[in-house]
Amino acid sequence: AYNALAEEMKAFDDKVKAAEALAKTDYL
């Protein structure tokens, strides 16, 4: 159960990091 949750959270974390990386070029 923990590993399944970790995979789900990693996918969400990747989205968050992609959005944060986008802030360097297009803040809006």
mmCIF file of all heavy atoms, coordinates in Angstrom:
data_MODEL
# 
_entry.id   MODEL 
# 
loop_
_atom_site.group_PDB 
_atom_site.id 
_atom_site.type_symbol 
_atom_site.label_atom_id 
_atom_site.label_alt_id 
_atom_site.label_comp_id 
_atom_site.label_asym_id 
_atom_site.label_entity_id 
_atom_site.label_seq_id 
_atom_site.pdbx_PDB_ins_code 
_atom_site.Cartn_x 
_atom_site.Cartn_y 
_atom_site.Cartn_z 
_atom_site.occupancy 
_atom_site.B_iso_or_equiv 
_atom_site.pdbx_formal_charge 
_atom_site.auth_seq_id 
_atom_site.auth_comp_id 
_atom_site.auth_asym_id 
_atom_site.auth_atom_id 
_atom_site.pdbx_PDB_model_num 
ATOM 1   N N   . ALA A 1 1  ? 0.828  -1.202 0.000   1.00 0.00 ? 1  ALA A N   1 
ATOM 2   C CA  . ALA A 1 1  ? 0.000  0.000  0.000   1.00 0.00 ? 1  ALA A CA  1 
ATOM 3   C C   . ALA A 1 1  ? 0.864  1.255  0.000   1.00 0.00 ? 1  ALA A C   1 
ATOM 4   O O   . ALA A 1 1  ? 0.571  2.232  -0.710  1.00 0.00 ? 1  ALA A O   1 
ATOM 5   C CB  . ALA A 1 1  ? -0.926 0.000  1.216   1.00 0.00 ? 1  ALA A CB  1 
ATOM 6   N N   . TYR A 1 2  ? 1.949  1.230  0.770   1.00 0.00 ? 2  TYR A N   1 
ATOM 7   C CA  . TYR A 1 2  ? 2.830  2.389  0.835   1.00 0.00 ? 2  TYR A CA  1 
ATOM 8   C C   . TYR A 1 2  ? 3.513  2.633  -0.510  1.00 0.00 ? 2  TYR A C   1 
ATOM 9   O O   . TYR A 1 2  ? 3.617  3.775  -0.957  1.00 0.00 ? 2  TYR A O   1 
ATOM 10  C CB  . TYR A 1 2  ? 3.886  2.197  1.943   1.00 0.00 ? 2  TYR A CB  1 
ATOM 11  C CG  . TYR A 1 2  ? 4.718  3.426  2.172   1.00 0.00 ? 2  TYR A CG  1 
ATOM 12  C CD1 . TYR A 1 2  ? 4.257  4.442  2.997   1.00 0.00 ? 2  TYR A CD1 1 
ATOM 13  C CD2 . TYR A 1 2  ? 5.960  3.580  1.565   1.00 0.00 ? 2  TYR A CD2 1 
ATOM 14  C CE1 . TYR A 1 2  ? 5.002  5.584  3.205   1.00 0.00 ? 2  TYR A CE1 1 
ATOM 15  C CE2 . TYR A 1 2  ? 6.708  4.720  1.770   1.00 0.00 ? 2  TYR A CE2 1 
ATOM 16  C CZ  . TYR A 1 2  ? 6.227  5.715  2.585   1.00 0.00 ? 2  TYR A CZ  1 
ATOM 17  O OH  . TYR A 1 2  ? 6.967  6.841  2.789   1.00 0.00 ? 2  TYR A OH  1 
ATOM 18  N N   . ASN A 1 3  ? 3.967  1.576  -1.165  1.00 0.00 ? 3  ASN A N   1 
ATOM 19  C CA  . ASN A 1 3  ? 4.618  1.728  -2.462  1.00 0.00 ? 3  ASN A CA  1 
ATOM 20  C C   . ASN A 1 3  ? 3.649  2.240  -3.521  1.00 0.00 ? 3  ASN A C   1 
ATOM 21  O O   . ASN A 1 3  ? 4.022  3.037  -4.378  1.00 0.00 ? 3  ASN A O   1 
ATOM 22  C CB  . ASN A 1 3  ? 5.269  0.416  -2.904  1.00 0.00 ? 3  ASN A CB  1 
ATOM 23  C CG  . ASN A 1 3  ? 6.465  0.068  -2.061  1.00 0.00 ? 3  ASN A CG  1 
ATOM 24  O OD1 . ASN A 1 3  ? 7.074  0.923  -1.427  1.00 0.00 ? 3  ASN A OD1 1 
ATOM 25  N ND2 . ASN A 1 3  ? 6.816  -1.202 -2.026  1.00 0.00 ? 3  ASN A ND2 1 
ATOM 26  N N   . ALA A 1 4  ? 2.388  1.781  -3.470  1.00 0.00 ? 4  ALA A N   1 
ATOM 27  C CA  . ALA A 1 4  ? 1.380  2.281  -4.408  1.00 0.00 ? 4  ALA A CA  1 
ATOM 28  C C   . ALA A 1 4  ? 1.145  3.772  -4.182  1.00 0.00 ? 4  ALA A C   1 
ATOM 29  O O   . ALA A 1 4  ? 1.083  4.556  -5.143  1.00 0.00 ? 4  ALA A O   1 
ATOM 30  C CB  . ALA A 1 4  ? 0.079  1.502  -4.241  1.00 0.00 ? 4  ALA A CB  1 
ATOM 31  N N   . LEU A 1 5  ? 1.043  4.170  -2.922  1.00 0.00 ? 5  LEU A N   1 
ATOM 32  C CA  . LEU A 1 5  ? 0.871  5.581  -2.599  1.00 0.00 ? 5  LEU A CA  1 
ATOM 33  C C   . LEU A 1 5  ? 2.098  6.379  -3.027  1.00 0.00 ? 5  LEU A C   1 
ATOM 34  O O   . LEU A 1 5  ? 1.977  7.489  -3.556  1.00 0.00 ? 5  LEU A O   1 
ATOM 35  C CB  . LEU A 1 5  ? 0.603  5.761  -1.107  1.00 0.00 ? 5  LEU A CB  1 
ATOM 36  C CG  . LEU A 1 5  ? 0.421  7.199  -0.628  1.00 0.00 ? 5  LEU A CG  1 
ATOM 37  C CD1 . LEU A 1 5  ? -0.816 7.819  -1.262  1.00 0.00 ? 5  LEU A CD1 1 
ATOM 38  C CD2 . LEU A 1 5  ? 0.320  7.246  0.891   1.00 0.00 ? 5  LEU A CD2 1 
ATOM 39  N N   . ALA A 1 6  ? 3.267  5.814  -2.827  1.00 0.00 ? 6  ALA A N   1 
ATOM 40  C CA  . ALA A 1 6  ? 4.508  6.509  -3.213  1.00 0.00 ? 6  ALA A CA  1 
ATOM 41  C C   . ALA A 1 6  ? 4.558  6.748  -4.720  1.00 0.00 ? 6  ALA A C   1 
ATOM 42  O O   . ALA A 1 6  ? 4.975  7.822  -5.160  1.00 0.00 ? 6  ALA A O   1 
ATOM 43  C CB  . ALA A 1 6  ? 5.720  5.701  -2.759  1.00 0.00 ? 6  ALA A CB  1 
ATOM 44  N N   . GLU A 1 7  ? 4.130  5.768  -5.510  1.00 0.00 ? 7  GLU A N   1 
ATOM 45  C CA  . GLU A 1 7  ? 4.104  5.954  -6.962  1.00 0.00 ? 7  GLU A CA  1 
ATOM 46  C C   . GLU A 1 7  ? 3.128  7.054  -7.354  1.00 0.00 ? 7  GLU A C   1 
ATOM 47  O O   . GLU A 1 7  ? 3.427  7.892  -8.205  1.00 0.00 ? 7  GLU A O   1 
ATOM 48  C CB  . GLU A 1 7  ? 3.720  4.647  -7.658  1.00 0.00 ? 7  GLU A CB  1 
ATOM 49  C CG  . GLU A 1 7  ? 4.844  3.651  -7.743  1.00 0.00 ? 7  GLU A CG  1 
ATOM 50  C CD  . GLU A 1 7  ? 4.452  2.416  -8.526  1.00 0.00 ? 7  GLU A CD  1 
ATOM 51  O OE1 . GLU A 1 7  ? 3.694  2.549  -9.511  1.00 0.00 ? 7  GLU A OE1 1 
ATOM 52  O OE2 . GLU A 1 7  ? 4.905  1.328  -8.147  1.00 0.00 ? 7  GLU A OE2 1 
ATOM 53  N N   . GLU A 1 8  ? 1.959  7.040  -6.727  1.00 0.00 ? 8  GLU A N   1 
ATOM 54  C CA  . GLU A 1 8  ? 0.951  8.063  -7.009  1.00 0.00 ? 8  GLU A CA  1 
ATOM 55  C C   . GLU A 1 8  ? 1.478  9.453  -6.645  1.00 0.00 ? 8  GLU A C   1 
ATOM 56  O O   . GLU A 1 8  ? 1.337  10.408 -7.417  1.00 0.00 ? 8  GLU A O   1 
ATOM 57  C CB  . GLU A 1 8  ? -0.315 7.745  -6.196  1.00 0.00 ? 8  GLU A CB  1 
ATOM 58  C CG  . GLU A 1 8  ? -1.446 8.705  -6.387  1.00 0.00 ? 8  GLU A CG  1 
ATOM 59  C CD  . GLU A 1 8  ? -2.623 8.363  -5.482  1.00 0.00 ? 8  GLU A CD  1 
ATOM 60  O OE1 . GLU A 1 8  ? -2.779 7.189  -5.102  1.00 0.00 ? 8  GLU A OE1 1 
ATOM 61  O OE2 . GLU A 1 8  ? -3.386 9.293  -5.162  1.00 0.00 ? 8  GLU A OE2 1 
ATOM 62  N N   . MET A 1 9  ? 2.105  9.550  -5.489  1.00 0.00 ? 9  MET A N   1 
ATOM 63  C CA  . MET A 1 9  ? 2.635  10.841 -5.044  1.00 0.00 ? 9  MET A CA  1 
ATOM 64  C C   . MET A 1 9  ? 3.829  11.288 -5.892  1.00 0.00 ? 9  MET A C   1 
ATOM 65  O O   . MET A 1 9  ? 4.025  12.474 -6.114  1.00 0.00 ? 9  MET A O   1 
ATOM 66  C CB  . MET A 1 9  ? 3.023  10.780 -3.562  1.00 0.00 ? 9  MET A CB  1 
ATOM 67  C CG  . MET A 1 9  ? 1.843  10.659 -2.637  1.00 0.00 ? 9  MET A CG  1 
ATOM 68  S SD  . MET A 1 9  ? 0.760  12.094 -2.746  1.00 0.00 ? 9  MET A SD  1 
ATOM 69  C CE  . MET A 1 9  ? -0.827 11.313 -2.718  1.00 0.00 ? 9  MET A CE  1 
ATOM 70  N N   . LYS A 1 10 ? 4.608  10.340 -6.389  1.00 0.00 ? 10 LYS A N   1 
ATOM 71  C CA  . LYS A 1 10 ? 5.739  10.683 -7.253  1.00 0.00 ? 10 LYS A CA  1 
ATOM 72  C C   . LYS A 1 10 ? 5.236  11.269 -8.571  1.00 0.00 ? 10 LYS A C   1 
ATOM 73  O O   . LYS A 1 10 ? 5.792  12.246 -9.075  1.00 0.00 ? 10 LYS A O   1 
ATOM 74  C CB  . LYS A 1 10 ? 6.619  9.470  -7.530  1.00 0.00 ? 10 LYS A CB  1 
ATOM 75  C CG  . LYS A 1 10 ? 7.868  9.820  -8.330  1.00 0.00 ? 10 LYS A CG  1 
ATOM 76  C CD  . LYS A 1 10 ? 8.705  8.614  -8.643  1.00 0.00 ? 10 LYS A CD  1 
ATOM 77  C CE  . LYS A 1 10 ? 9.946  8.917  -9.415  1.00 0.00 ? 10 LYS A CE  1 
ATOM 78  N NZ  . LYS A 1 10 ? 9.892  9.949  -10.416 1.00 0.00 ? 10 LYS A NZ  1 
ATOM 79  N N   . ALA A 1 11 ? 4.168  10.690 -9.112  1.00 0.00 ? 11 ALA A N   1 
ATOM 80  C CA  . ALA A 1 11 ? 3.589  11.222 -10.346 1.00 0.00 ? 11 ALA A CA  1 
ATOM 81  C C   . ALA A 1 11 ? 3.072  12.645 -10.115 1.00 0.00 ? 11 ALA A C   1 
ATOM 82  O O   . ALA A 1 11 ? 3.286  13.537 -10.949 1.00 0.00 ? 11 ALA A O   1 
ATOM 83  C CB  . ALA A 1 11 ? 2.466  10.318 -10.837 1.00 0.00 ? 11 ALA A CB  1 
ATOM 84  N N   . PHE A 1 12 ? 2.427  12.863 -8.969  1.00 0.00 ? 12 PHE A N   1 
ATOM 85  C CA  . PHE A 1 12 ? 1.936  14.201 -8.647  1.00 0.00 ? 12 PHE A CA  1 
ATOM 86  C C   . PHE A 1 12 ? 3.105  15.158 -8.416  1.00 0.00 ? 12 PHE A C   1 
ATOM 87  O O   . PHE A 1 12 ? 3.072  16.305 -8.856  1.00 0.00 ? 12 PHE A O   1 
ATOM 88  C CB  . PHE A 1 12 ? 1.033  14.141 -7.408  1.00 0.00 ? 12 PHE A CB  1 
ATOM 89  C CG  . PHE A 1 12 ? 0.310  15.418 -7.130  1.00 0.00 ? 12 PHE A CG  1 
ATOM 90  C CD1 . PHE A 1 12 ? -0.820 15.752 -7.847  1.00 0.00 ? 12 PHE A CD1 1 
ATOM 91  C CD2 . PHE A 1 12 ? 0.754  16.287 -6.150  1.00 0.00 ? 12 PHE A CD2 1 
ATOM 92  C CE1 . PHE A 1 12 ? -1.493 16.936 -7.600  1.00 0.00 ? 12 PHE A CE1 1 
ATOM 93  C CE2 . PHE A 1 12 ? 0.097  17.469 -5.884  1.00 0.00 ? 12 PHE A CE2 1 
ATOM 94  C CZ  . PHE A 1 12 ? -1.039 17.801 -6.621  1.00 0.00 ? 12 PHE A CZ  1 
ATOM 95  N N   . ASP A 1 13 ? 4.144  14.675 -7.754  1.00 0.00 ? 13 ASP A N   1 
ATOM 96  C CA  . ASP A 1 13 ? 5.329  15.489 -7.504  1.00 0.00 ? 13 ASP A CA  1 
ATOM 97  C C   . ASP A 1 13 ? 5.998  15.897 -8.811  1.00 0.00 ? 13 ASP A C   1 
ATOM 98  O O   . ASP A 1 13 ? 6.494  17.023 -8.932  1.00 0.00 ? 13 ASP A O   1 
ATOM 99  C CB  . ASP A 1 13 ? 6.313  14.720 -6.614  1.00 0.00 ? 13 ASP A CB  1 
ATOM 100 C CG  . ASP A 1 13 ? 7.463  15.579 -6.132  1.00 0.00 ? 13 ASP A CG  1 
ATOM 101 O OD1 . ASP A 1 13 ? 7.199  16.691 -5.617  1.00 0.00 ? 13 ASP A OD1 1 
ATOM 102 O OD2 . ASP A 1 13 ? 8.627  15.150 -6.269  1.00 0.00 ? 13 ASP A OD2 1 
ATOM 103 N N   . ASP A 1 14 ? 6.012  15.012 -9.789  1.00 0.00 ? 14 ASP A N   1 
ATOM 104 C CA  . ASP A 1 14 ? 6.575  15.347 -11.095 1.00 0.00 ? 14 ASP A CA  1 
ATOM 105 C C   . ASP A 1 14 ? 5.806  16.496 -11.740 1.00 0.00 ? 14 ASP A C   1 
ATOM 106 O O   . ASP A 1 14 ? 6.398  17.384 -12.356 1.00 0.00 ? 14 ASP A O   1 
ATOM 107 C CB  . ASP A 1 14 ? 6.577  14.124 -12.019 1.00 0.00 ? 14 ASP A CB  1 
ATOM 108 C CG  . ASP A 1 14 ? 7.581  13.068 -11.592 1.00 0.00 ? 14 ASP A CG  1 
ATOM 109 O OD1 . ASP A 1 14 ? 8.505  13.393 -10.798 1.00 0.00 ? 14 ASP A OD1 1 
ATOM 110 O OD2 . ASP A 1 14 ? 7.443  11.908 -12.038 1.00 0.00 ? 14 ASP A OD2 1 
ATOM 111 N N   . LYS A 1 15 ? 4.477  16.475 -11.590 1.00 0.00 ? 15 LYS A N   1 
ATOM 112 C CA  . LYS A 1 15 ? 3.655  17.571 -12.132 1.00 0.00 ? 15 LYS A CA  1 
ATOM 113 C C   . LYS A 1 15 ? 3.970  18.886 -11.421 1.00 0.00 ? 15 LYS A C   1 
ATOM 114 O O   . LYS A 1 15 ? 4.067  19.935 -12.060 1.00 0.00 ? 15 LYS A O   1 
ATOM 115 C CB  . LYS A 1 15 ? 2.177  17.237 -11.989 1.00 0.00 ? 15 LYS A CB  1 
ATOM 116 C CG  . LYS A 1 15 ? 1.707  16.107 -12.865 1.00 0.00 ? 15 LYS A CG  1 
ATOM 117 C CD  . LYS A 1 15 ? 0.244  15.797 -12.605 1.00 0.00 ? 15 LYS A CD  1 
ATOM 118 C CE  . LYS A 1 15 ? -0.214 14.577 -13.387 1.00 0.00 ? 15 LYS A CE  1 
ATOM 119 N NZ  . LYS A 1 15 ? -1.607 14.214 -13.071 1.00 0.00 ? 15 LYS A NZ  1 
ATOM 120 N N   . VAL A 1 16 ? 4.115  18.823 -10.112 1.00 0.00 ? 16 VAL A N   1 
ATOM 121 C CA  . VAL A 1 16 ? 4.423  20.030 -9.334  1.00 0.00 ? 16 VAL A CA  1 
ATOM 122 C C   . VAL A 1 16 ? 5.793  20.577 -9.747  1.00 0.00 ? 16 VAL A C   1 
ATOM 123 O O   . VAL A 1 16 ? 5.956  21.781 -9.965  1.00 0.00 ? 16 VAL A O   1 
ATOM 124 C CB  . VAL A 1 16 ? 4.379  19.741 -7.821  1.00 0.00 ? 16 VAL A CB  1 
ATOM 125 C CG1 . VAL A 1 16 ? 4.929  20.907 -7.020  1.00 0.00 ? 16 VAL A CG1 1 
ATOM 126 C CG2 . VAL A 1 16 ? 2.962  19.412 -7.385  1.00 0.00 ? 16 VAL A CG2 1 
ATOM 127 N N   . LYS A 1 17 ? 6.779  19.688 -9.876  1.00 0.00 ? 17 LYS A N   1 
ATOM 128 C CA  . LYS A 1 17 ? 8.122  20.134 -10.274 1.00 0.00 ? 17 LYS A CA  1 
ATOM 129 C C   . LYS A 1 17 ? 8.127  20.709 -11.689 1.00 0.00 ? 17 LYS A C   1 
ATOM 130 O O   . LYS A 1 17 ? 8.845  21.667 -11.963 1.00 0.00 ? 17 LYS A O   1 
ATOM 131 C CB  . LYS A 1 17 ? 9.113  18.977 -10.162 1.00 0.00 ? 17 LYS A CB  1 
ATOM 132 C CG  . LYS A 1 17 ? 9.461  18.649 -8.731  1.00 0.00 ? 17 LYS A CG  1 
ATOM 133 C CD  . LYS A 1 17 ? 10.451 17.521 -8.638  1.00 0.00 ? 17 LYS A CD  1 
ATOM 134 C CE  . LYS A 1 17 ? 10.765 17.235 -7.176  1.00 0.00 ? 17 LYS A CE  1 
ATOM 135 N NZ  . LYS A 1 17 ? 11.651 16.105 -7.010  1.00 0.00 ? 17 LYS A NZ  1 
ATOM 136 N N   . ALA A 1 18 ? 7.330  20.131 -12.576 1.00 0.00 ? 18 ALA A N   1 
ATOM 137 C CA  . ALA A 1 18 ? 7.249  20.657 -13.945 1.00 0.00 ? 18 ALA A CA  1 
ATOM 138 C C   . ALA A 1 18 ? 6.658  22.068 -13.928 1.00 0.00 ? 18 ALA A C   1 
ATOM 139 O O   . ALA A 1 18 ? 7.148  22.955 -14.644 1.00 0.00 ? 18 ALA A O   1 
ATOM 140 C CB  . ALA A 1 18 ? 6.411  19.737 -14.817 1.00 0.00 ? 18 ALA A CB  1 
ATOM 141 N N   . ALA A 1 19 ? 5.651  22.262 -13.097 1.00 0.00 ? 19 ALA A N   1 
ATOM 142 C CA  . ALA A 1 19 ? 5.054  23.597 -12.988 1.00 0.00 ? 19 ALA A CA  1 
ATOM 143 C C   . ALA A 1 19 ? 6.045  24.588 -12.379 1.00 0.00 ? 19 ALA A C   1 
ATOM 144 O O   . ALA A 1 19 ? 6.132  25.734 -12.825 1.00 0.00 ? 19 ALA A O   1 
ATOM 145 C CB  . ALA A 1 19 ? 3.784  23.531 -12.154 1.00 0.00 ? 19 ALA A CB  1 
ATOM 146 N N   . GLU A 1 20 ? 6.799  24.145 -11.393 1.00 0.00 ? 20 GLU A N   1 
ATOM 147 C CA  . GLU A 1 20 ? 7.802  25.026 -10.777 1.00 0.00 ? 20 GLU A CA  1 
ATOM 148 C C   . GLU A 1 20 ? 8.920  25.355 -11.759 1.00 0.00 ? 20 GLU A C   1 
ATOM 149 O O   . GLU A 1 20 ? 9.438  26.467 -11.771 1.00 0.00 ? 20 GLU A O   1 
ATOM 150 C CB  . GLU A 1 20 ? 8.361  24.379 -9.515  1.00 0.00 ? 20 GLU A CB  1 
ATOM 151 C CG  . GLU A 1 20 ? 7.358  24.337 -8.379  1.00 0.00 ? 20 GLU A CG  1 
ATOM 152 C CD  . GLU A 1 20 ? 7.833  23.523 -7.192  1.00 0.00 ? 20 GLU A CD  1 
ATOM 153 O OE1 . GLU A 1 20 ? 8.858  22.810 -7.305  1.00 0.00 ? 20 GLU A OE1 1 
ATOM 154 O OE2 . GLU A 1 20 ? 7.163  23.588 -6.141  1.00 0.00 ? 20 GLU A OE2 1 
ATOM 155 N N   . ALA A 1 21 ? 9.291  24.384 -12.590 1.00 0.00 ? 21 ALA A N   1 
ATOM 156 C CA  . ALA A 1 21 ? 10.327 24.633 -13.598 1.00 0.00 ? 21 ALA A CA  1 
ATOM 157 C C   . ALA A 1 21 ? 9.820  25.605 -14.663 1.00 0.00 ? 21 ALA A C   1 
ATOM 158 O O   . ALA A 1 21 ? 10.581 26.417 -15.190 1.00 0.00 ? 21 ALA A O   1 
ATOM 159 C CB  . ALA A 1 21 ? 10.761 23.325 -14.244 1.00 0.00 ? 21 ALA A CB  1 
ATOM 160 N N   . LEU A 1 22 ? 8.531  25.533 -14.972 1.00 0.00 ? 22 LEU A N   1 
ATOM 161 C CA  . LEU A 1 22 ? 7.930  26.429 -15.952 1.00 0.00 ? 22 LEU A CA  1 
ATOM 162 C C   . LEU A 1 22 ? 7.950  27.873 -15.458 1.00 0.00 ? 22 LEU A C   1 
ATOM 163 O O   . LEU A 1 22 ? 7.980  28.808 -16.269 1.00 0.00 ? 22 LEU A O   1 
ATOM 164 C CB  . LEU A 1 22 ? 6.495  25.989 -16.250 1.00 0.00 ? 22 LEU A CB  1 
ATOM 165 C CG  . LEU A 1 22 ? 5.726  26.757 -17.303 1.00 0.00 ? 22 LEU A CG  1 
ATOM 166 C CD1 . LEU A 1 22 ? 6.435  26.637 -18.651 1.00 0.00 ? 22 LEU A CD1 1 
ATOM 167 C CD2 . LEU A 1 22 ? 4.308  26.246 -17.398 1.00 0.00 ? 22 LEU A CD2 1 
ATOM 168 N N   . ALA A 1 23 ? 7.979  28.041 -14.148 1.00 0.00 ? 23 ALA A N   1 
ATOM 169 C CA  . ALA A 1 23 ? 7.990  29.388 -13.567 1.00 0.00 ? 23 ALA A CA  1 
ATOM 170 C C   . ALA A 1 23 ? 9.205  30.195 -14.003 1.00 0.00 ? 23 ALA A C   1 
ATOM 171 O O   . ALA A 1 23 ? 9.172  31.417 -14.016 1.00 0.00 ? 23 ALA A O   1 
ATOM 172 C CB  . ALA A 1 23 ? 7.922  29.305 -12.054 1.00 0.00 ? 23 ALA A CB  1 
ATOM 173 N N   . LYS A 1 24 ? 10.273 29.523 -14.391 1.00 0.00 ? 24 LYS A N   1 
ATOM 174 C CA  . LYS A 1 24 ? 11.481 30.233 -14.827 1.00 0.00 ? 24 LYS A CA  1 
ATOM 175 C C   . LYS A 1 24 ? 11.283 30.904 -16.182 1.00 0.00 ? 24 LYS A C   1 
ATOM 176 O O   . LYS A 1 24 ? 11.932 31.899 -16.478 1.00 0.00 ? 24 LYS A O   1 
ATOM 177 C CB  . LYS A 1 24 ? 12.660 29.270 -14.886 1.00 0.00 ? 24 LYS A CB  1 
ATOM 178 C CG  . LYS A 1 24 ? 13.069 28.750 -13.532 1.00 0.00 ? 24 LYS A CG  1 
ATOM 179 C CD  . LYS A 1 24 ? 14.207 27.770 -13.632 1.00 0.00 ? 24 LYS A CD  1 
ATOM 180 C CE  . LYS A 1 24 ? 14.550 27.242 -12.242 1.00 0.00 ? 24 LYS A CE  1 
ATOM 181 N NZ  . LYS A 1 24 ? 15.574 26.211 -12.282 1.00 0.00 ? 24 LYS A NZ  1 
ATOM 182 N N   . THR A 1 25 ? 10.385 30.343 -16.992 1.00 0.00 ? 25 THR A N   1 
ATOM 183 C CA  . THR A 1 25 ? 10.180 30.907 -18.328 1.00 0.00 ? 25 THR A CA  1 
ATOM 184 C C   . THR A 1 25 ? 8.837  31.622 -18.457 1.00 0.00 ? 25 THR A C   1 
ATOM 185 O O   . THR A 1 25 ? 8.759  32.667 -19.092 1.00 0.00 ? 25 THR A O   1 
ATOM 186 C CB  . THR A 1 25 ? 10.254 29.798 -19.404 1.00 0.00 ? 25 THR A CB  1 
ATOM 187 O OG1 . THR A 1 25 ? 9.283  28.799 -19.102 1.00 0.00 ? 25 THR A OG1 1 
ATOM 188 C CG2 . THR A 1 25 ? 11.640 29.186 -19.446 1.00 0.00 ? 25 THR A CG2 1 
ATOM 189 N N   . ASP A 1 26 ? 7.777  31.066 -17.892 1.00 0.00 ? 26 ASP A N   1 
ATOM 190 C CA  . ASP A 1 26 ? 6.444  31.667 -18.002 1.00 0.00 ? 26 ASP A CA  1 
ATOM 191 C C   . ASP A 1 26 ? 5.739  31.587 -16.652 1.00 0.00 ? 26 ASP A C   1 
ATOM 192 O O   . ASP A 1 26 ? 5.102  30.584 -16.322 1.00 0.00 ? 26 ASP A O   1 
ATOM 193 C CB  . ASP A 1 26 ? 5.635  30.951 -19.081 1.00 0.00 ? 26 ASP A CB  1 
ATOM 194 C CG  . ASP A 1 26 ? 4.355  31.693 -19.429 1.00 0.00 ? 26 ASP A CG  1 
ATOM 195 O OD1 . ASP A 1 26 ? 4.005  32.660 -18.717 1.00 0.00 ? 26 ASP A OD1 1 
ATOM 196 O OD2 . ASP A 1 26 ? 3.706  31.302 -20.421 1.00 0.00 ? 26 ASP A OD2 1 
ATOM 197 N N   . TYR A 1 27 ? 5.862  32.649 -15.908 1.00 0.00 ? 27 TYR A N   1 
ATOM 198 C CA  . TYR A 1 27 ? 5.344  32.683 -14.548 1.00 0.00 ? 27 TYR A CA  1 
ATOM 199 C C   . TYR A 1 27 ? 3.825  32.499 -14.509 1.00 0.00 ? 27 TYR A C   1 
ATOM 200 O O   . TYR A 1 27 ? 3.296  31.828 -13.633 1.00 0.00 ? 27 TYR A O   1 
ATOM 201 C CB  . TYR A 1 27 ? 5.737  34.004 -13.879 1.00 0.00 ? 27 TYR A CB  1 
ATOM 202 C CG  . TYR A 1 27 ? 5.334  34.079 -12.438 1.00 0.00 ? 27 TYR A CG  1 
ATOM 203 C CD1 . TYR A 1 27 ? 6.047  33.427 -11.451 1.00 0.00 ? 27 TYR A CD1 1 
ATOM 204 C CD2 . TYR A 1 27 ? 4.197  34.783 -12.058 1.00 0.00 ? 27 TYR A CD2 1 
ATOM 205 C CE1 . TYR A 1 27 ? 5.659  33.475 -10.127 1.00 0.00 ? 27 TYR A CE1 1 
ATOM 206 C CE2 . TYR A 1 27 ? 3.791  34.837 -10.743 1.00 0.00 ? 27 TYR A CE2 1 
ATOM 207 C CZ  . TYR A 1 27 ? 4.530  34.180 -9.781  1.00 0.00 ? 27 TYR A CZ  1 
ATOM 208 O OH  . TYR A 1 27 ? 4.128  34.228 -8.479  1.00 0.00 ? 27 TYR A OH  1 
ATOM 209 N N   . LEU A 1 28 ? 3.100  33.091 -15.441 1.00 0.00 ? 28 LEU A N   1 
ATOM 210 C CA  . LEU A 1 28 ? 1.641  33.008 -15.422 1.00 0.00 ? 28 LEU A CA  1 
ATOM 211 C C   . LEU A 1 28 ? 1.139  31.591 -15.689 1.00 0.00 ? 28 LEU A C   1 
ATOM 212 O O   . LEU A 1 28 ? 0.228  31.108 -15.011 1.00 0.00 ? 28 LEU A O   1 
ATOM 213 C CB  . LEU A 1 28 ? 1.045  33.982 -16.455 1.00 0.00 ? 28 LEU A CB  1 
ATOM 214 C CG  . LEU A 1 28 ? 1.252  35.465 -16.130 1.00 0.00 ? 28 LEU A CG  1 
ATOM 215 C CD1 . LEU A 1 28 ? 0.712  36.332 -17.247 1.00 0.00 ? 28 LEU A CD1 1 
ATOM 216 C CD2 . LEU A 1 28 ? 0.596  35.814 -14.810 1.00 0.00 ? 28 LEU A CD2 1 
# 
